[in-house]
């Protein structure tokens, strides 16, 4: 099995991280309409995400296969290349996020993304708010999850 390393993203990783985001979004959320073009997503990763947020990448076989972004106590993004799902990388990212934010984390995911909801619930996150999507660019109903250390959660 190929070794996977988690490391802070470098400015040179922005394009590869954006490409992982694009492939993952297309595979996991085919019914969600993206408000931004591929080029706009790449520009956002290059000019904002990697430079101004705490961005981490998963690297395997000399390429970026996952991306996680922390913005304060918000786990704002966690995306894996579809070919690399199911290999424990997401769990490693969540463990890293909890280590980096030991007082707690929150995140949003779309209601249609049941696999993501099950993933976060397995990792101790609890759904605390459901919306009609009026607060996100995609106008897609979403759910906010929270993790707090020391709180019991279902197995």
C-alpha atoms as a PDB file:
ATOM      1  CA  UNK A   1       0.000   0.000   0.000  1.00  0.00           C
ATOM      2  CA  UNK A   2       1.274   3.467  -0.896  1.00  0.00           C
ATOM      3  CA  UNK A   3       2.331   5.639   2.033  1.00  0.00           C
ATOM      4  CA  UNK A   4       0.305   8.810   2.541  1.00  0.00           C
ATOM      5  CA  UNK A   5       1.855  11.853   4.211  1.00  0.00           C
ATOM      6  CA  UNK A   6      -0.116  14.769   5.660  1.00  0.00           C
ATOM      7  CA  UNK A   7       1.674  18.109   5.470  1.00  0.00           C
ATOM      8  CA  UNK A   8       1.004  21.830   5.330  1.00  0.00           C
ATOM      9  CA  UNK A   9       0.201  22.991   1.833  1.00  0.00           C
ATOM     10  CA  UNK A  10       2.723  25.089  -0.037  1.00  0.00           C
ATOM     11  CA  UNK A  11       1.785  27.770  -2.569  1.00  0.00           C
ATOM     12  CA  UNK A  12       2.899  25.329  -5.282  1.00  0.00           C
ATOM     13  CA  UNK A  13       0.205  22.857  -4.093  1.00  0.00           C
ATOM     14  CA  UNK A  14      -2.699  25.209  -4.842  1.00  0.00           C
ATOM     15  CA  UNK A  15      -3.434  23.875  -8.328  1.00  0.00           C
ATOM     16  CA  UNK A  16      -3.291  20.222  -7.292  1.00  0.00           C
ATOM     17  CA  UNK A  17      -5.423  20.906  -4.189  1.00  0.00           C
ATOM     18  CA  UNK A  18      -8.032  22.705  -6.316  1.00  0.00           C
ATOM     19  CA  UNK A  19      -8.078  19.774  -8.745  1.00  0.00           C
ATOM     20  CA  UNK A  20      -8.717  17.340  -5.866  1.00  0.00           C
ATOM     21  CA  UNK A  21     -11.568  19.591  -4.717  1.00  0.00           C
ATOM     22  CA  UNK A  22     -13.049  19.682  -8.224  1.00  0.00           C
ATOM     23  CA  UNK A  23     -12.853  15.898  -8.744  1.00  0.00           C
ATOM     24  CA  UNK A  24     -14.225  15.166  -5.277  1.00  0.00           C
ATOM     25  CA  UNK A  25     -17.088  17.658  -5.555  1.00  0.00           C
ATOM     26  CA  UNK A  26     -18.103  16.259  -8.953  1.00  0.00           C
ATOM     27  CA  UNK A  27     -18.044  12.663  -7.672  1.00  0.00           C
ATOM     28  CA  UNK A  28     -19.721  13.227  -4.291  1.00  0.00           C
ATOM     29  CA  UNK A  29     -22.204  15.970  -5.163  1.00  0.00           C
ATOM     30  CA  UNK A  30     -23.379  15.467  -8.747  1.00  0.00           C
ATOM     31  CA  UNK A  31     -26.749  17.152  -8.072  1.00  0.00           C
ATOM     32  CA  UNK A  32     -25.297  20.275  -6.452  1.00  0.00           C
ATOM     33  CA  UNK A  33     -24.887  23.220  -8.810  1.00  0.00           C
ATOM     34  CA  UNK A  34     -21.526  24.924  -8.341  1.00  0.00           C
ATOM     35  CA  UNK A  35     -21.725  28.731  -8.537  1.00  0.00           C
ATOM     36  CA  UNK A  36     -18.068  29.019  -9.628  1.00  0.00           C
ATOM     37  CA  UNK A  37     -16.230  27.814 -12.704  1.00  0.00           C
ATOM     38  CA  UNK A  38     -13.228  25.474 -12.495  1.00  0.00           C
ATOM     39  CA  UNK A  39     -10.918  28.432 -13.173  1.00  0.00           C
ATOM     40  CA  UNK A  40     -12.544  30.479 -10.399  1.00  0.00           C
ATOM     41  CA  UNK A  41     -12.068  27.570  -7.974  1.00  0.00           C
ATOM     42  CA  UNK A  42      -8.396  27.299  -8.948  1.00  0.00           C
ATOM     43  CA  UNK A  43      -7.897  31.056  -8.489  1.00  0.00           C
ATOM     44  CA  UNK A  44      -9.599  30.913  -5.070  1.00  0.00           C
ATOM     45  CA  UNK A  45      -7.297  28.096  -3.956  1.00  0.00           C
ATOM     46  CA  UNK A  46      -4.224  29.945  -5.248  1.00  0.00           C
ATOM     47  CA  UNK A  47      -5.082  33.412  -3.903  1.00  0.00           C
ATOM     48  CA  UNK A  48      -7.054  32.641  -0.732  1.00  0.00           C
ATOM     49  CA  UNK A  49      -7.144  29.057   0.511  1.00  0.00           C
ATOM     50  CA  UNK A  50      -3.464  28.091   0.470  1.00  0.00           C
ATOM     51  CA  UNK A  51      -2.137  31.553   1.326  1.00  0.00           C
ATOM     52  CA  UNK A  52      -4.623  32.722   3.971  1.00  0.00           C
ATOM     53  CA  UNK A  53      -6.071  29.564   5.577  1.00  0.00           C
ATOM     54  CA  UNK A  54      -4.491  26.683   7.465  1.00  0.00           C
ATOM     55  CA  UNK A  55      -4.404  24.283   4.542  1.00  0.00           C
ATOM     56  CA  UNK A  56      -3.149  20.705   4.705  1.00  0.00           C
ATOM     57  CA  UNK A  57      -2.665  18.195   1.921  1.00  0.00           C
ATOM     58  CA  UNK A  58      -2.407  14.435   1.791  1.00  0.00           C
ATOM     59  CA  UNK A  59       0.378  13.372  -0.544  1.00  0.00           C
ATOM     60  CA  UNK A  60       0.852   9.901  -1.989  1.00  0.00           C
ATOM     61  CA  UNK A  61       2.847   8.647  -4.941  1.00  0.00           C
ATOM     62  CA  UNK A  62       4.260  12.173  -5.380  1.00  0.00           C
ATOM     63  CA  UNK A  63       0.874  13.786  -5.865  1.00  0.00           C
ATOM     64  CA  UNK A  64      -1.763  15.551  -3.784  1.00  0.00           C
ATOM     65  CA  UNK A  65      -4.680  13.193  -3.089  1.00  0.00           C
ATOM     66  CA  UNK A  66      -6.520  15.122  -0.377  1.00  0.00           C
ATOM     67  CA  UNK A  67      -7.002  18.591   1.058  1.00  0.00           C
ATOM     68  CA  UNK A  68      -8.205  19.875   4.427  1.00  0.00           C
ATOM     69  CA  UNK A  69      -8.711  23.517   5.357  1.00  0.00           C
ATOM     70  CA  UNK A  70      -9.113  24.959   8.839  1.00  0.00           C
ATOM     71  CA  UNK A  71     -10.409  28.507   9.261  1.00  0.00           C
ATOM     72  CA  UNK A  72     -10.512  29.314  12.960  1.00  0.00           C
ATOM     73  CA  UNK A  73     -12.546  26.542  14.576  1.00  0.00           C
ATOM     74  CA  UNK A  74     -14.268  25.790  11.256  1.00  0.00           C
ATOM     75  CA  UNK A  75     -13.258  22.663   9.379  1.00  0.00           C
ATOM     76  CA  UNK A  76     -14.103  24.470   6.172  1.00  0.00           C
ATOM     77  CA  UNK A  77     -13.016  21.842   3.658  1.00  0.00           C
ATOM     78  CA  UNK A  78     -12.102  18.174   3.606  1.00  0.00           C
ATOM     79  CA  UNK A  79     -11.951  16.600   0.171  1.00  0.00           C
ATOM     80  CA  UNK A  80     -10.257  13.464  -1.139  1.00  0.00           C
ATOM     81  CA  UNK A  81      -9.505  12.379  -4.657  1.00  0.00           C
ATOM     82  CA  UNK A  82     -12.275   9.824  -5.354  1.00  0.00           C
ATOM     83  CA  UNK A  83      -9.668   7.145  -6.138  1.00  0.00           C
ATOM     84  CA  UNK A  84      -8.237   7.576  -2.617  1.00  0.00           C
ATOM     85  CA  UNK A  85     -11.456   7.360  -0.587  1.00  0.00           C
ATOM     86  CA  UNK A  86     -11.834   4.526   1.892  1.00  0.00           C
ATOM     87  CA  UNK A  87      -8.141   4.358   2.800  1.00  0.00           C
ATOM     88  CA  UNK A  88      -8.288   6.138   6.162  1.00  0.00           C
ATOM     89  CA  UNK A  89      -7.024   9.503   4.914  1.00  0.00           C
ATOM     90  CA  UNK A  90     -10.183  11.347   5.920  1.00  0.00           C
ATOM     91  CA  UNK A  91      -9.952   9.931   9.434  1.00  0.00           C
ATOM     92  CA  UNK A  92      -6.334  11.037   9.666  1.00  0.00           C
ATOM     93  CA  UNK A  93      -7.339  14.544   8.549  1.00  0.00           C
ATOM     94  CA  UNK A  94     -10.087  14.681  11.210  1.00  0.00           C
ATOM     95  CA  UNK A  95      -7.653  13.483  13.899  1.00  0.00           C
ATOM     96  CA  UNK A  96      -5.228  16.204  12.810  1.00  0.00           C
ATOM     97  CA  UNK A  97      -7.992  18.828  12.877  1.00  0.00           C
ATOM     98  CA  UNK A  98      -8.957  17.766  16.420  1.00  0.00           C
ATOM     99  CA  UNK A  99      -5.308  17.964  17.463  1.00  0.00           C
ATOM    100  CA  UNK A 100      -4.966  21.443  15.932  1.00  0.00           C
ATOM    101  CA  UNK A 101      -8.292  22.628  17.457  1.00  0.00           C
ATOM    102  CA  UNK A 102      -8.516  20.771  20.788  1.00  0.00           C
ATOM    103  CA  UNK A 103     -11.298  23.037  22.084  1.00  0.00           C
ATOM    104  CA  UNK A 104     -13.678  21.964  19.336  1.00  0.00           C
ATOM    105  CA  UNK A 105     -14.609  22.189  15.677  1.00  0.00           C
ATOM    106  CA  UNK A 106     -17.627  22.908  13.556  1.00  0.00           C
ATOM    107  CA  UNK A 107     -18.344  22.242   9.890  1.00  0.00           C
ATOM    108  CA  UNK A 108     -21.055  22.370   7.278  1.00  0.00           C
ATOM    109  CA  UNK A 109     -21.982  19.680   4.803  1.00  0.00           C
ATOM    110  CA  UNK A 110     -24.828  19.397   2.328  1.00  0.00           C
ATOM    111  CA  UNK A 111     -27.880  17.409   3.392  1.00  0.00           C
ATOM    112  CA  UNK A 112     -27.690  15.383   0.170  1.00  0.00           C
ATOM    113  CA  UNK A 113     -24.189  14.203   1.145  1.00  0.00           C
ATOM    114  CA  UNK A 114     -25.235  11.346   3.427  1.00  0.00           C
ATOM    115  CA  UNK A 115     -21.832   9.602   3.195  1.00  0.00           C
ATOM    116  CA  UNK A 116     -20.148  12.734   4.586  1.00  0.00           C
ATOM    117  CA  UNK A 117     -22.715  12.968   7.380  1.00  0.00           C
ATOM    118  CA  UNK A 118     -22.123   9.334   8.369  1.00  0.00           C
ATOM    119  CA  UNK A 119     -18.343   9.922   8.234  1.00  0.00           C
ATOM    120  CA  UNK A 120     -18.475  12.942  10.538  1.00  0.00           C
ATOM    121  CA  UNK A 121     -20.906  11.224  12.919  1.00  0.00           C
ATOM    122  CA  UNK A 122     -18.509   8.260  13.174  1.00  0.00           C
ATOM    123  CA  UNK A 123     -15.812  10.752  14.172  1.00  0.00           C
ATOM    124  CA  UNK A 124     -17.832  12.261  17.014  1.00  0.00           C
ATOM    125  CA  UNK A 125     -19.499  15.209  15.295  1.00  0.00           C
ATOM    126  CA  UNK A 126     -23.124  15.959  16.189  1.00  0.00           C
ATOM    127  CA  UNK A 127     -25.643  17.660  13.896  1.00  0.00           C
ATOM    128  CA  UNK A 128     -26.826  20.874  15.556  1.00  0.00           C
ATOM    129  CA  UNK A 129     -28.489  22.884  12.787  1.00  0.00           C
ATOM    130  CA  UNK A 130     -30.269  22.219   9.492  1.00  0.00           C
ATOM    131  CA  UNK A 131     -30.881  24.984   6.949  1.00  0.00           C
ATOM    132  CA  UNK A 132     -32.696  25.475   3.668  1.00  0.00           C
ATOM    133  CA  UNK A 133     -29.431  26.505   1.993  1.00  0.00           C
ATOM    134  CA  UNK A 134     -30.170  30.220   2.016  1.00  0.00           C
ATOM    135  CA  UNK A 135     -26.813  30.912   3.639  1.00  0.00           C
ATOM    136  CA  UNK A 136     -24.549  29.179   1.120  1.00  0.00           C
ATOM    137  CA  UNK A 137     -23.533  30.026  -2.438  1.00  0.00           C
ATOM    138  CA  UNK A 138     -24.993  26.824  -3.850  1.00  0.00           C
ATOM    139  CA  UNK A 139     -28.436  27.471  -2.275  1.00  0.00           C
ATOM    140  CA  UNK A 140     -28.371  23.806  -1.228  1.00  0.00           C
ATOM    141  CA  UNK A 141     -29.867  22.653   2.101  1.00  0.00           C
ATOM    142  CA  UNK A 142     -27.054  21.961   4.537  1.00  0.00           C
ATOM    143  CA  UNK A 143     -26.347  20.792   8.054  1.00  0.00           C
ATOM    144  CA  UNK A 144     -23.910  22.133  10.643  1.00  0.00           C
ATOM    145  CA  UNK A 145     -21.949  19.667  12.743  1.00  0.00           C
ATOM    146  CA  UNK A 146     -20.040  20.334  15.954  1.00  0.00           C
ATOM    147  CA  UNK A 147     -17.360  18.340  17.771  1.00  0.00           C
ATOM    148  CA  UNK A 148     -16.452  19.115  21.356  1.00  0.00           C
ATOM    149  CA  UNK A 149     -13.784  17.172  23.262  1.00  0.00           C
ATOM    150  CA  UNK A 150     -15.021  14.922  26.038  1.00  0.00           C
ATOM    151  CA  UNK A 151     -18.626  14.718  24.826  1.00  0.00           C
ATOM    152  CA  UNK A 152     -19.997  11.245  24.452  1.00  0.00           C
ATOM    153  CA  UNK A 153     -21.153  10.272  21.013  1.00  0.00           C
ATOM    154  CA  UNK A 154     -22.868   7.213  19.546  1.00  0.00           C
ATOM    155  CA  UNK A 155     -20.550   4.466  18.359  1.00  0.00           C
END
